[in-house]
Amino acid sequence: MKVLIVDDEIDLCLLLKSYFTRKGYEVAIAYTLASGLDQLKNFSPEILFLDNNLADGLGWSMVPAIVRSSPQLQLYLISAYHPPLPQLPPGVSVNVIEKPISFSDLDLKLNHVNSERH
């Protein structure tokens, strides 16, 4: 499976990339919202980790457009501060992960996603 991580914290991105690569995922990283949206189209991930406060915009504000264009995408919203969730289309659910990120929580969430896909 492919994972896209969109976050402006380079160290966090590299740590998550290492974590997911060890688990057998193909991983792409973007440090800006614009780059992340490009990667979303070109890389076609099954899982997206999207930070809210990015240098070029609020990532969570793009969630409605993202789920319309990629309805099967497993979406994880990450933020150090838990802002209100964006207005989501009916039937769409997202997972919110607060920083600092716990790898044991990630394992639980990913195991749940993988069990639903089988």
PDB file of N, CA and C in Angstrom:
ATOM      1  N   MET A   1       0.836  -1.184   0.000  1.00  0.00           N
ATOM      2  CA  MET A   1       0.000   0.000   0.000  1.00  0.00           C
ATOM      3  C   MET A   1       0.881   1.248   0.000  1.00  0.00           C
ATOM      4  N   LYS A   2       0.312   2.313  -0.520  1.00  0.00           N
ATOM      5  CA  LYS A   2       1.026   3.590  -0.604  1.00  0.00           C
ATOM      6  C   LYS A   2       0.522   4.562   0.455  1.00  0.00           C
ATOM      7  N   VAL A   3       1.483   5.269   1.068  1.00  0.00           N
ATOM      8  CA  VAL A   3       1.177   6.264   2.093  1.00  0.00           C
ATOM      9  C   VAL A   3       1.770   7.595   1.656  1.00  0.00           C
ATOM     10  N   LEU A   4       0.976   8.651   1.760  1.00  0.00           N
ATOM     11  CA  LEU A   4       1.456  10.009   1.517  1.00  0.00           C
ATOM     12  C   LEU A   4       1.383  10.773   2.828  1.00  0.00           C
ATOM     13  N   ILE A   5       2.504  11.415   3.190  1.00  0.00           N
ATOM     14  CA  ILE A   5       2.583  12.216   4.400  1.00  0.00           C
ATOM     15  C   ILE A   5       2.784  13.667   3.985  1.00  0.00           C
ATOM     16  N   VAL A   6       1.854  14.535   4.387  1.00  0.00           N
ATOM     17  CA  VAL A   6       1.939  15.962   4.077  1.00  0.00           C
ATOM     18  C   VAL A   6       2.066  16.710   5.401  1.00  0.00           C
ATOM     19  N   ASP A   7       3.271  17.187   5.677  1.00  0.00           N
ATOM     20  CA  ASP A   7       3.545  17.892   6.923  1.00  0.00           C
ATOM     21  C   ASP A   7       4.790  18.732   6.718  1.00  0.00           C
ATOM     22  N   ASP A   8       4.826  19.916   7.325  1.00  0.00           N
ATOM     23  CA  ASP A   8       5.990  20.784   7.155  1.00  0.00           C
ATOM     24  C   ASP A   8       7.102  20.498   8.161  1.00  0.00           C
ATOM     25  N   GLU A   9       6.872  19.568   9.077  1.00  0.00           N
ATOM     26  CA  GLU A   9       7.909  19.171  10.021  1.00  0.00           C
ATOM     27  C   GLU A   9       8.745  18.054   9.394  1.00  0.00           C
ATOM     28  N   ILE A  10       9.912  18.421   8.900  1.00  0.00           N
ATOM     29  CA  ILE A  10      10.754  17.484   8.158  1.00  0.00           C
ATOM     30  C   ILE A  10      11.115  16.268   9.000  1.00  0.00           C
ATOM     31  N   ASP A  11      11.500  16.481  10.256  1.00  0.00           N
ATOM     32  CA  ASP A  11      11.884  15.358  11.114  1.00  0.00           C
ATOM     33  C   ASP A  11      10.731  14.377  11.305  1.00  0.00           C
ATOM     34  N   LEU A  12       9.528  14.888  11.512  1.00  0.00           N
ATOM     35  CA  LEU A  12       8.368  14.016  11.671  1.00  0.00           C
ATOM     36  C   LEU A  12       8.127  13.216  10.401  1.00  0.00           C
ATOM     37  N   CYS A  13       8.219  13.865   9.254  1.00  0.00           N
ATOM     38  CA  CYS A  13       8.015  13.170   7.983  1.00  0.00           C
ATOM     39  C   CYS A  13       9.020  12.041   7.802  1.00  0.00           C
ATOM     40  N   LEU A  14      10.278  12.320   8.100  1.00  0.00           N
ATOM     41  CA  LEU A  14      11.315  11.299   7.940  1.00  0.00           C
ATOM     42  C   LEU A  14      11.113  10.145   8.927  1.00  0.00           C
ATOM     43  N   LEU A  15      10.703  10.459  10.134  1.00  0.00           N
ATOM     44  CA  LEU A  15      10.435   9.429  11.124  1.00  0.00           C
ATOM     45  C   LEU A  15       9.262   8.546  10.683  1.00  0.00           C
ATOM     46  N   LEU A  16       8.177   9.175  10.228  1.00  0.00           N
ATOM     47  CA  LEU A  16       7.021   8.412   9.745  1.00  0.00           C
ATOM     48  C   LEU A  16       7.373   7.598   8.504  1.00  0.00           C
ATOM     49  N   LYS A  17       8.172   8.182   7.619  1.00  0.00           N
ATOM     50  CA  LYS A  17       8.580   7.443   6.416  1.00  0.00           C
ATOM     51  C   LYS A  17       9.360   6.192   6.801  1.00  0.00           C
ATOM     52  N   SER A  18      10.277   6.323   7.726  1.00  0.00           N
ATOM     53  CA  SER A  18      11.051   5.172   8.188  1.00  0.00           C
ATOM     54  C   SER A  18      10.136   4.115   8.803  1.00  0.00           C
ATOM     55  N   TYR A  19       9.201   4.554   9.627  1.00  0.00           N
ATOM     56  CA  TYR A  19       8.250   3.655  10.280  1.00  0.00           C
ATOM     57  C   TYR A  19       7.437   2.869   9.247  1.00  0.00           C
ATOM     58  N   PHE A  20       6.859   3.576   8.279  1.00  0.00           N
ATOM     59  CA  PHE A  20       6.020   2.916   7.282  1.00  0.00           C
ATOM     60  C   PHE A  20       6.833   2.061   6.312  1.00  0.00           C
ATOM     61  N   THR A  21       8.019   2.492   5.966  1.00  0.00           N
ATOM     62  CA  THR A  21       8.870   1.715   5.064  1.00  0.00           C
ATOM     63  C   THR A  21       9.230   0.377   5.701  1.00  0.00           C
ATOM     64  N   ARG A  22       9.556   0.390   6.986  1.00  0.00           N
ATOM     65  CA  ARG A  22       9.857  -0.862   7.696  1.00  0.00           C
ATOM     66  C   ARG A  22       8.660  -1.802   7.705  1.00  0.00           C
ATOM     67  N   LYS A  23       7.463  -1.266   7.621  1.00  0.00           N
ATOM     68  CA  LYS A  23       6.256  -2.092   7.613  1.00  0.00           C
ATOM     69  C   LYS A  23       5.836  -2.499   6.194  1.00  0.00           C
ATOM     70  N   GLY A  24       6.654  -2.139   5.207  1.00  0.00           N
ATOM     71  CA  GLY A  24       6.386  -2.578   3.846  1.00  0.00           C
ATOM     72  C   GLY A  24       5.542  -1.641   2.997  1.00  0.00           C
ATOM     73  N   TYR A  25       5.295  -0.434   3.473  1.00  0.00           N
ATOM     74  CA  TYR A  25       4.525   0.534   2.700  1.00  0.00           C
ATOM     75  C   TYR A  25       5.445   1.299   1.761  1.00  0.00           C
ATOM     76  N   GLU A  26       4.914   1.739   0.653  1.00  0.00           N
ATOM     77  CA  GLU A  26       5.605   2.680  -0.233  1.00  0.00           C
ATOM     78  C   GLU A  26       5.207   4.074   0.244  1.00  0.00           C
ATOM     79  N   VAL A  27       6.187   4.951   0.464  1.00  0.00           N
ATOM     80  CA  VAL A  27       5.915   6.229   1.119  1.00  0.00           C
ATOM     81  C   VAL A  27       6.401   7.405   0.282  1.00  0.00           C
ATOM     82  N   ALA A  28       5.573   8.435   0.195  1.00  0.00           N
ATOM     83  CA  ALA A  28       5.957   9.710  -0.406  1.00  0.00           C
ATOM     84  C   ALA A  28       5.723  10.797   0.648  1.00  0.00           C
ATOM     85  N   ILE A  29       6.518  11.856   0.556  1.00  0.00           N
ATOM     86  CA  ILE A  29       6.451  12.962   1.506  1.00  0.00           C
ATOM     87  C   ILE A  29       6.271  14.268   0.742  1.00  0.00           C
ATOM     88  N   ALA A  30       5.473  15.164   1.322  1.00  0.00           N
ATOM     89  CA  ALA A  30       5.339  16.529   0.807  1.00  0.00           C
ATOM     90  C   ALA A  30       5.366  17.467   2.009  1.00  0.00           C
ATOM     91  N   TYR A  31       6.074  18.581   1.850  1.00  0.00           N
ATOM     92  CA  TYR A  31       6.224  19.532   2.954  1.00  0.00           C
ATOM     93  C   TYR A  31       5.316  20.752   2.832  1.00  0.00           C
ATOM     94  N   THR A  32       4.587  20.858   1.714  1.00  0.00           N
ATOM     95  CA  THR A  32       3.651  21.965   1.512  1.00  0.00           C
ATOM     96  C   THR A  32       2.314  21.408   1.034  1.00  0.00           C
ATOM     97  N   LEU A  33       1.278  22.197   1.187  1.00  0.00           N
ATOM     98  CA  LEU A  33      -0.047  21.783   0.727  1.00  0.00           C
ATOM     99  C   LEU A  33      -0.063  21.597  -0.786  1.00  0.00           C
ATOM    100  N   ALA A  34       0.512  22.538  -1.518  1.00  0.00           N
ATOM    101  CA  ALA A  34       0.527  22.443  -2.985  1.00  0.00           C
ATOM    102  C   ALA A  34       1.254  21.180  -3.448  1.00  0.00           C
ATOM    103  N   SER A  35       2.399  20.913  -2.854  1.00  0.00           N
ATOM    104  CA  SER A  35       3.150  19.710  -3.208  1.00  0.00           C
ATOM    105  C   SER A  35       2.372  18.454  -2.825  1.00  0.00           C
ATOM    106  N   GLY A  36       1.708  18.486  -1.687  1.00  0.00           N
ATOM    107  CA  GLY A  36       0.907  17.345  -1.267  1.00  0.00           C
ATOM    108  C   GLY A  36      -0.243  17.048  -2.213  1.00  0.00           C
ATOM    109  N   LEU A  37      -0.911  18.094  -2.673  1.00  0.00           N
ATOM    110  CA  LEU A  37      -2.013  17.897  -3.617  1.00  0.00           C
ATOM    111  C   LEU A  37      -1.501  17.337  -4.940  1.00  0.00           C
ATOM    112  N   ASP A  38      -0.325  17.778  -5.380  1.00  0.00           N
ATOM    113  CA  ASP A  38       0.295  17.208  -6.583  1.00  0.00           C
ATOM    114  C   ASP A  38       0.630  15.732  -6.374  1.00  0.00           C
ATOM    115  N   GLN A  39       1.224  15.421  -5.225  1.00  0.00           N
ATOM    116  CA  GLN A  39       1.579  14.039  -4.916  1.00  0.00           C
ATOM    117  C   GLN A  39       0.327  13.161  -4.838  1.00  0.00           C
ATOM    118  N   LEU A  40      -0.751  13.711  -4.327  1.00  0.00           N
ATOM    119  CA  LEU A  40      -1.996  12.961  -4.232  1.00  0.00           C
ATOM    120  C   LEU A  40      -2.449  12.494  -5.611  1.00  0.00           C
ATOM    121  N   LYS A  41      -2.325  13.353  -6.604  1.00  0.00           N
ATOM    122  CA  LYS A  41      -2.710  13.000  -7.976  1.00  0.00           C
ATOM    123  C   LYS A  41      -1.709  12.036  -8.608  1.00  0.00           C
ATOM    124  N   ASN A  42      -0.431  12.311  -8.448  1.00  0.00           N
ATOM    125  CA  ASN A  42       0.603  11.546  -9.153  1.00  0.00           C
ATOM    126  C   ASN A  42       0.986  10.239  -8.466  1.00  0.00           C
ATOM    127  N   PHE A  43       0.963  10.204  -7.157  1.00  0.00           N
ATOM    128  CA  PHE A  43       1.393   9.033  -6.392  1.00  0.00           C
ATOM    129  C   PHE A  43       0.238   8.069  -6.122  1.00  0.00           C
ATOM    130  N   SER A  44      -0.980   8.581  -6.069  1.00  0.00           N
ATOM    131  CA  SER A  44      -2.211   7.799  -5.832  1.00  0.00           C
ATOM    132  C   SER A  44      -2.129   6.906  -4.595  1.00  0.00           C
ATOM    133  N   PRO A  45      -1.976   7.515  -3.423  1.00  0.00           N
ATOM    134  CA  PRO A  45      -1.873   6.709  -2.203  1.00  0.00           C
ATOM    135  C   PRO A  45      -3.219   6.147  -1.758  1.00  0.00           C
ATOM    136  N   GLU A  46      -3.153   5.092  -0.937  1.00  0.00           N
ATOM    137  CA  GLU A  46      -4.351   4.566  -0.293  1.00  0.00           C
ATOM    138  C   GLU A  46      -4.560   5.232   1.060  1.00  0.00           C
ATOM    139  N   ILE A  47      -3.468   5.743   1.649  1.00  0.00           N
ATOM    140  CA  ILE A  47      -3.520   6.360   2.966  1.00  0.00           C
ATOM    141  C   ILE A  47      -2.866   7.739   2.882  1.00  0.00           C
ATOM    142  N   LEU A  48      -3.526   8.736   3.474  1.00  0.00           N
ATOM    143  CA  LEU A  48      -2.992  10.092   3.509  1.00  0.00           C
ATOM    144  C   LEU A  48      -2.944  10.590   4.946  1.00  0.00           C
ATOM    145  N   PHE A  49      -1.768  11.077   5.355  1.00  0.00           N
ATOM    146  CA  PHE A  49      -1.609  11.791   6.616  1.00  0.00           C
ATOM    147  C   PHE A  49      -1.467  13.260   6.260  1.00  0.00           C
ATOM    148  N   LEU A  50      -2.395  14.084   6.732  1.00  0.00           N
ATOM    149  CA  LEU A  50      -2.455  15.486   6.329  1.00  0.00           C
ATOM    150  C   LEU A  50      -2.423  16.395   7.546  1.00  0.00           C
ATOM    151  N   ASP A  51      -1.375  17.202   7.634  1.00  0.00           N
ATOM    152  CA  ASP A  51      -1.262  18.197   8.699  1.00  0.00           C
ATOM    153  C   ASP A  51      -2.189  19.363   8.378  1.00  0.00           C
ATOM    154  N   ASN A  52      -2.581  20.116   9.385  1.00  0.00           N
ATOM    155  CA  ASN A  52      -3.453  21.259   9.157  1.00  0.00           C
ATOM    156  C   ASN A  52      -2.663  22.523   8.839  1.00  0.00           C
ATOM    157  N   ASN A  53      -1.767  22.916   9.731  1.00  0.00           N
ATOM    158  CA  ASN A  53      -1.044  24.183   9.561  1.00  0.00           C
ATOM    159  C   ASN A  53       0.205  23.996   8.706  1.00  0.00           C
ATOM    160  N   LEU A  54       0.055  24.305   7.447  1.00  0.00           N
ATOM    161  CA  LEU A  54       1.174  24.211   6.497  1.00  0.00           C
ATOM    162  C   LEU A  54       1.544  25.618   6.042  1.00  0.00           C
ATOM    163  N   ALA A  55       2.762  25.771   5.568  1.00  0.00           N
ATOM    164  CA  ALA A  55       3.260  27.101   5.197  1.00  0.00           C
ATOM    165  C   ALA A  55       2.391  27.787   4.151  1.00  0.00           C
ATOM    166  N   ASP A  56       1.784  27.009   3.264  1.00  0.00           N
ATOM    167  CA  ASP A  56       1.008  27.605   2.175  1.00  0.00           C
ATOM    168  C   ASP A  56      -0.501  27.402   2.320  1.00  0.00           C
ATOM    169  N   GLY A  57      -0.965  27.031   3.513  1.00  0.00           N
ATOM    170  CA  GLY A  57      -2.411  26.916   3.692  1.00  0.00           C
ATOM    171  C   GLY A  57      -2.787  25.928   4.771  1.00  0.00           C
ATOM    172  N   LEU A  58      -4.086  25.817   4.988  1.00  0.00           N
ATOM    173  CA  LEU A  58      -4.624  24.886   5.971  1.00  0.00           C
ATOM    174  C   LEU A  58      -5.001  23.581   5.274  1.00  0.00           C
ATOM    175  N   GLY A  59      -4.281  22.539   5.612  1.00  0.00           N
ATOM    176  CA  GLY A  59      -4.512  21.250   4.968  1.00  0.00           C
ATOM    177  C   GLY A  59      -5.919  20.728   5.149  1.00  0.00           C
ATOM    178  N   TRP A  60      -6.460  20.890   6.372  1.00  0.00           N
ATOM    179  CA  TRP A  60      -7.786  20.345   6.641  1.00  0.00           C
ATOM    180  C   TRP A  60      -8.864  21.015   5.803  1.00  0.00           C
ATOM    181  N   SER A  61      -8.623  22.228   5.333  1.00  0.00           N
ATOM    182  CA  SER A  61      -9.627  22.909   4.510  1.00  0.00           C
ATOM    183  C   SER A  61      -9.806  22.220   3.157  1.00  0.00           C
ATOM    184  N   MET A  62      -8.830  21.399   2.764  1.00  0.00           N
ATOM    185  CA  MET A  62      -8.898  20.706   1.477  1.00  0.00           C
ATOM    186  C   MET A  62      -9.566  19.339   1.570  1.00  0.00           C
ATOM    187  N   VAL A  63      -9.932  18.923   2.775  1.00  0.00           N
ATOM    188  CA  VAL A  63     -10.489  17.586   2.966  1.00  0.00           C
ATOM    189  C   VAL A  63     -11.728  17.324   2.109  1.00  0.00           C
ATOM    190  N   PRO A  64     -12.718  18.222   2.062  1.00  0.00           N
ATOM    191  CA  PRO A  64     -13.881  17.930   1.218  1.00  0.00           C
ATOM    192  C   PRO A  64     -13.509  17.670  -0.243  1.00  0.00           C
ATOM    193  N   ALA A  65     -12.621  18.467  -0.797  1.00  0.00           N
ATOM    194  CA  ALA A  65     -12.198  18.259  -2.190  1.00  0.00           C
ATOM    195  C   ALA A  65     -11.411  16.961  -2.342  1.00  0.00           C
ATOM    196  N   ILE A  66     -10.579  16.667  -1.360  1.00  0.00           N
ATOM    197  CA  ILE A  66      -9.777  15.443  -1.422  1.00  0.00           C
ATOM    198  C   ILE A  66     -10.670  14.209  -1.404  1.00  0.00           C
ATOM    199  N   VAL A  67     -11.655  14.161  -0.497  1.00  0.00           N
ATOM    200  CA  VAL A  67     -12.505  12.970  -0.431  1.00  0.00           C
ATOM    201  C   VAL A  67     -13.432  12.853  -1.640  1.00  0.00           C
ATOM    202  N   ARG A  68     -13.782  13.975  -2.252  1.00  0.00           N
ATOM    203  CA  ARG A  68     -14.583  13.898  -3.493  1.00  0.00           C
ATOM    204  C   ARG A  68     -13.756  13.283  -4.620  1.00  0.00           C
ATOM    205  N   SER A  69     -12.480  13.651  -4.703  1.00  0.00           N
ATOM    206  CA  SER A  69     -11.646  13.140  -5.795  1.00  0.00           C
ATOM    207  C   SER A  69     -11.063  11.758  -5.502  1.00  0.00           C
ATOM    208  N   SER A  70     -10.956  11.400  -4.222  1.00  0.00           N
ATOM    209  CA  SER A  70     -10.382  10.100  -3.829  1.00  0.00           C
ATOM    210  C   SER A  70     -11.230   9.492  -2.713  1.00  0.00           C
ATOM    211  N   PRO A  71     -12.438   9.019  -3.034  1.00  0.00           N
ATOM    212  CA  PRO A  71     -13.356   8.575  -1.984  1.00  0.00           C
ATOM    213  C   PRO A  71     -12.884   7.350  -1.196  1.00  0.00           C
ATOM    214  N   GLN A  72     -12.010   6.528  -1.751  1.00  0.00           N
ATOM    215  CA  GLN A  72     -11.541   5.329  -1.048  1.00  0.00           C
ATOM    216  C   GLN A  72     -10.331   5.589  -0.154  1.00  0.00           C
ATOM    217  N   LEU A  73      -9.828   6.802  -0.172  1.00  0.00           N
ATOM    218  CA  LEU A  73      -8.636   7.175   0.574  1.00  0.00           C
ATOM    219  C   LEU A  73      -8.881   7.092   2.087  1.00  0.00           C
ATOM    220  N   GLN A  74      -7.966   6.446   2.801  1.00  0.00           N
ATOM    221  CA  GLN A  74      -8.000   6.456   4.261  1.00  0.00           C
ATOM    222  C   GLN A  74      -7.306   7.738   4.702  1.00  0.00           C
ATOM    223  N   LEU A  75      -8.016   8.605   5.381  1.00  0.00           N
ATOM    224  CA  LEU A  75      -7.513   9.935   5.682  1.00  0.00           C
ATOM    225  C   LEU A  75      -7.270  10.109   7.171  1.00  0.00           C
ATOM    226  N   TYR A  76      -6.048  10.502   7.496  1.00  0.00           N
ATOM    227  CA  TYR A  76      -5.646  10.786   8.868  1.00  0.00           C
ATOM    228  C   TYR A  76      -5.251  12.252   8.939  1.00  0.00           C
ATOM    229  N   LEU A  77      -5.966  13.003   9.759  1.00  0.00           N
ATOM    230  CA  LEU A  77      -5.671  14.415   9.941  1.00  0.00           C
ATOM    231  C   LEU A  77      -4.791  14.546  11.165  1.00  0.00           C
ATOM    232  N   ILE A  78      -3.657  15.238  11.012  1.00  0.00           N
ATOM    233  CA  ILE A  78      -2.742  15.403  12.129  1.00  0.00           C
ATOM    234  C   ILE A  78      -2.573  16.878  12.457  1.00  0.00           C
ATOM    235  N   SER A  79      -2.448  17.157  13.753  1.00  0.00           N
ATOM    236  CA  SER A  79      -2.265  18.530  14.195  1.00  0.00           C
ATOM    237  C   SER A  79      -1.814  18.533  15.645  1.00  0.00           C
ATOM    238  N   ALA A  80      -0.987  19.504  15.979  1.00  0.00           N
ATOM    239  CA  ALA A  80      -0.589  19.684  17.376  1.00  0.00           C
ATOM    240  C   ALA A  80      -1.736  20.301  18.171  1.00  0.00           C
ATOM    241  N   TYR A  81      -2.600  21.026  17.484  1.00  0.00           N
ATOM    242  CA  TYR A  81      -3.757  21.662  18.097  1.00  0.00           C
ATOM    243  C   TYR A  81      -4.976  21.109  17.388  1.00  0.00           C
ATOM    244  N   HIS A  82      -5.956  20.691  18.118  1.00  0.00           N
ATOM    245  CA  HIS A  82      -7.110  20.024  17.518  1.00  0.00           C
ATOM    246  C   HIS A  82      -8.141  21.057  17.076  1.00  0.00           C
ATOM    247  N   PRO A  83      -7.995  21.589  15.841  1.00  0.00           N
ATOM    248  CA  PRO A  83      -8.998  22.540  15.345  1.00  0.00           C
ATOM    249  C   PRO A  83     -10.300  21.803  15.011  1.00  0.00           C
ATOM    250  N   PRO A  84     -11.359  22.541  14.799  1.00  0.00           N
ATOM    251  CA  PRO A  84     -12.619  21.884  14.410  1.00  0.00           C
ATOM    252  C   PRO A  84     -12.439  21.142  13.086  1.00  0.00           C
ATOM    253  N   LEU A  85     -13.119  20.021  12.968  1.00  0.00           N
ATOM    254  CA  LEU A  85     -13.060  19.257  11.725  1.00  0.00           C
ATOM    255  C   LEU A  85     -13.744  20.037  10.608  1.00  0.00           C
ATOM    256  N   PRO A  86     -13.264  19.870   9.381  1.00  0.00           N
ATOM    257  CA  PRO A  86     -13.956  20.512   8.255  1.00  0.00           C
ATOM    258  C   PRO A  86     -15.299  19.838   8.017  1.00  0.00           C
ATOM    259  N   GLN A  87     -16.161  20.515   7.304  1.00  0.00           N
ATOM    260  CA  GLN A  87     -17.448  19.948   6.920  1.00  0.00           C
ATOM    261  C   GLN A  87     -17.182  18.797   5.954  1.00  0.00           C
ATOM    262  N   LEU A  88     -17.613  17.602   6.319  1.00  0.00           N
ATOM    263  CA  LEU A  88     -17.358  16.423   5.504  1.00  0.00           C
ATOM    264  C   LEU A  88     -18.608  16.005   4.751  1.00  0.00           C
ATOM    265  N   PRO A  89     -18.423  15.473   3.549  1.00  0.00           N
ATOM    266  CA  PRO A  89     -19.580  14.933   2.822  1.00  0.00           C
ATOM    267  C   PRO A  89     -20.192  13.776   3.610  1.00  0.00           C
ATOM    268  N   PRO A  90     -21.479  13.506   3.416  1.00  0.00           N
ATOM    269  CA  PRO A  90     -22.137  12.408   4.139  1.00  0.00           C
ATOM    270  C   PRO A  90     -21.408  11.081   3.906  1.00  0.00           C
ATOM    271  N   GLY A  91     -21.284  10.295   4.973  1.00  0.00           N
ATOM    272  CA  GLY A  91     -20.667   8.975   4.872  1.00  0.00           C
ATOM    273  C   GLY A  91     -19.154   8.956   4.925  1.00  0.00           C
ATOM    274  N   VAL A  92     -18.529  10.108   5.019  1.00  0.00           N
ATOM    275  CA  VAL A  92     -17.070  10.185   5.044  1.00  0.00           C
ATOM    276  C   VAL A  92     -16.605  10.281   6.486  1.00  0.00           C
ATOM    277  N   SER A  93     -15.631   9.441   6.817  1.00  0.00           N
ATOM    278  CA  SER A  93     -15.055   9.534   8.153  1.00  0.00           C
ATOM    279  C   SER A  93     -13.552   9.745   8.038  1.00  0.00           C
ATOM    280  N   VAL A  94     -13.027  10.454   8.987  1.00  0.00           N
ATOM    281  CA  VAL A  94     -11.592  10.697   9.037  1.00  0.00           C
ATOM    282  C   VAL A  94     -11.114  10.351  10.446  1.00  0.00           C
ATOM    283  N   ASN A  95      -9.835  10.095  10.547  1.00  0.00           N
ATOM    284  CA  ASN A  95      -9.209   9.855  11.839  1.00  0.00           C
ATOM    285  C   ASN A  95      -8.377  11.074  12.185  1.00  0.00           C
ATOM    286  N   VAL A  96      -8.442  11.509  13.432  1.00  0.00           N
ATOM    287  CA  VAL A  96      -7.634  12.634  13.871  1.00  0.00           C
ATOM    288  C   VAL A  96      -6.542  12.106  14.787  1.00  0.00           C
ATOM    289  N   ILE A  97      -5.320  12.499  14.479  1.00  0.00           N
ATOM    290  CA  ILE A  97      -4.170  12.107  15.283  1.00  0.00           C
ATOM    291  C   ILE A  97      -3.511  13.378  15.780  1.00  0.00           C
ATOM    292  N   GLU A  98      -3.406  13.493  17.098  1.00  0.00           N
ATOM    293  CA  GLU A  98      -2.778  14.671  17.676  1.00  0.00           C
ATOM    294  C   GLU A  98      -1.297  14.430  17.887  1.00  0.00           C
ATOM    295  N   LYS A  99      -0.515  15.462  17.614  1.00  0.00           N
ATOM    296  CA  LYS A  99       0.919  15.394  17.867  1.00  0.00           C
ATOM    297  C   LYS A  99       1.152  15.604  19.358  1.00  0.00           C
ATOM    298  N   PRO A 100       2.112  14.953  19.952  1.00  0.00           N
ATOM    299  CA  PRO A 100       3.058  14.031  19.334  1.00  0.00           C
ATOM    300  C   PRO A 100       2.375  12.708  18.988  1.00  0.00           C
ATOM    301  N   ILE A 101       2.819  12.119  17.900  1.00  0.00           N
ATOM    302  CA  ILE A 101       2.225  10.895  17.378  1.00  0.00           C
ATOM    303  C   ILE A 101       2.794   9.689  18.117  1.00  0.00           C
ATOM    304  N   SER A 102       1.911   8.787  18.499  1.00  0.00           N
ATOM    305  CA  SER A 102       2.296   7.550  19.160  1.00  0.00           C
ATOM    306  C   SER A 102       2.300   6.418  18.128  1.00  0.00           C
ATOM    307  N   PHE A 103       3.417   5.712  18.023  1.00  0.00           N
ATOM    308  CA  PHE A 103       3.498   4.616  17.063  1.00  0.00           C
ATOM    309  C   PHE A 103       2.578   3.464  17.450  1.00  0.00           C
ATOM    310  N   SER A 104       2.328   3.255  18.734  1.00  0.00           N
ATOM    311  CA  SER A 104       1.395   2.194  19.131  1.00  0.00           C
ATOM    312  C   SER A 104      -0.026   2.548  18.676  1.00  0.00           C
ATOM    313  N   ASP A 105      -0.402   3.839  18.743  1.00  0.00           N
ATOM    314  CA  ASP A 105      -1.710   4.264  18.226  1.00  0.00           C
ATOM    315  C   ASP A 105      -1.790   4.075  16.715  1.00  0.00           C
ATOM    316  N   LEU A 106      -0.698   4.402  16.016  1.00  0.00           N
ATOM    317  CA  LEU A 106      -0.669   4.193  14.568  1.00  0.00           C
ATOM    318  C   LEU A 106      -0.850   2.726  14.229  1.00  0.00           C
ATOM    319  N   ASP A 107      -0.163   1.854  14.963  1.00  0.00           N
ATOM    320  CA  ASP A 107      -0.304   0.417  14.721  1.00  0.00           C
ATOM    321  C   ASP A 107      -1.757  -0.017  14.856  1.00  0.00           C
ATOM    322  N   LEU A 108      -2.424   0.445  15.914  1.00  0.00           N
ATOM    323  CA  LEU A 108      -3.823   0.078  16.119  1.00  0.00           C
ATOM    324  C   LEU A 108      -4.706   0.567  14.977  1.00  0.00           C
ATOM    325  N   LYS A 109      -4.512   1.821  14.580  1.00  0.00           N
ATOM    326  CA  LYS A 109      -5.334   2.385  13.510  1.00  0.00           C
ATOM    327  C   LYS A 109      -5.077   1.679  12.181  1.00  0.00           C
ATOM    328  N   LEU A 110      -3.822   1.408  11.866  1.00  0.00           N
ATOM    329  CA  LEU A 110      -3.495   0.748  10.602  1.00  0.00           C
ATOM    330  C   LEU A 110      -3.959  -0.703  10.593  1.00  0.00           C
ATOM    331  N   ASN A 111      -3.857  -1.397  11.715  1.00  0.00           N
ATOM    332  CA  ASN A 111      -4.357  -2.765  11.779  1.00  0.00           C
ATOM    333  C   ASN A 111      -5.856  -2.799  11.533  1.00  0.00           C
ATOM    334  N   HIS A 112      -6.576  -1.805  12.049  1.00  0.00           N
ATOM    335  CA  HIS A 112      -8.014  -1.702  11.826  1.00  0.00           C
ATOM    336  C   HIS A 112      -8.313  -1.466  10.345  1.00  0.00           C
ATOM    337  N   VAL A 113      -7.574  -0.551   9.712  1.00  0.00           N
ATOM    338  CA  VAL A 113      -7.756  -0.259   8.285  1.00  0.00           C
ATOM    339  C   VAL A 113      -7.465  -1.501   7.452  1.00  0.00           C
ATOM    340  N   ASN A 114      -6.358  -2.177   7.753  1.00  0.00           N
ATOM    341  CA  ASN A 114      -5.983  -3.368   6.976  1.00  0.00           C
ATOM    342  C   ASN A 114      -6.987  -4.494   7.143  1.00  0.00           C
ATOM    343  N   SER A 115      -7.570  -4.653   8.325  1.00  0.00           N
ATOM    344  CA  SER A 115      -8.554  -5.706   8.529  1.00  0.00           C
ATOM    345  C   SER A 115      -9.841  -5.397   7.770  1.00  0.00           C
ATOM    346  N   GLU A 116     -10.179  -4.122   7.614  1.00  0.00           N
ATOM    347  CA  GLU A 116     -11.378  -3.749   6.851  1.00  0.00           C
ATOM    348  C   GLU A 116     -11.195  -3.998   5.357  1.00  0.00           C
ATOM    349  N   ARG A 117      -9.961  -3.931   4.870  1.00  0.00           N
ATOM    350  CA  ARG A 117      -9.697  -4.107   3.442  1.00  0.00           C
ATOM    351  C   ARG A 117      -9.709  -5.574   3.023  1.00  0.00           C
ATOM    352  N   HIS A 118      -9.621  -6.496   3.984  1.00  0.00           N
ATOM    353  CA  HIS A 118      -9.557  -7.929   3.641  1.00  0.00           C
ATOM    354  C   HIS A 118     -10.881  -8.589   3.791  1.00  0.00           C
TER     355      HIS A 118
END
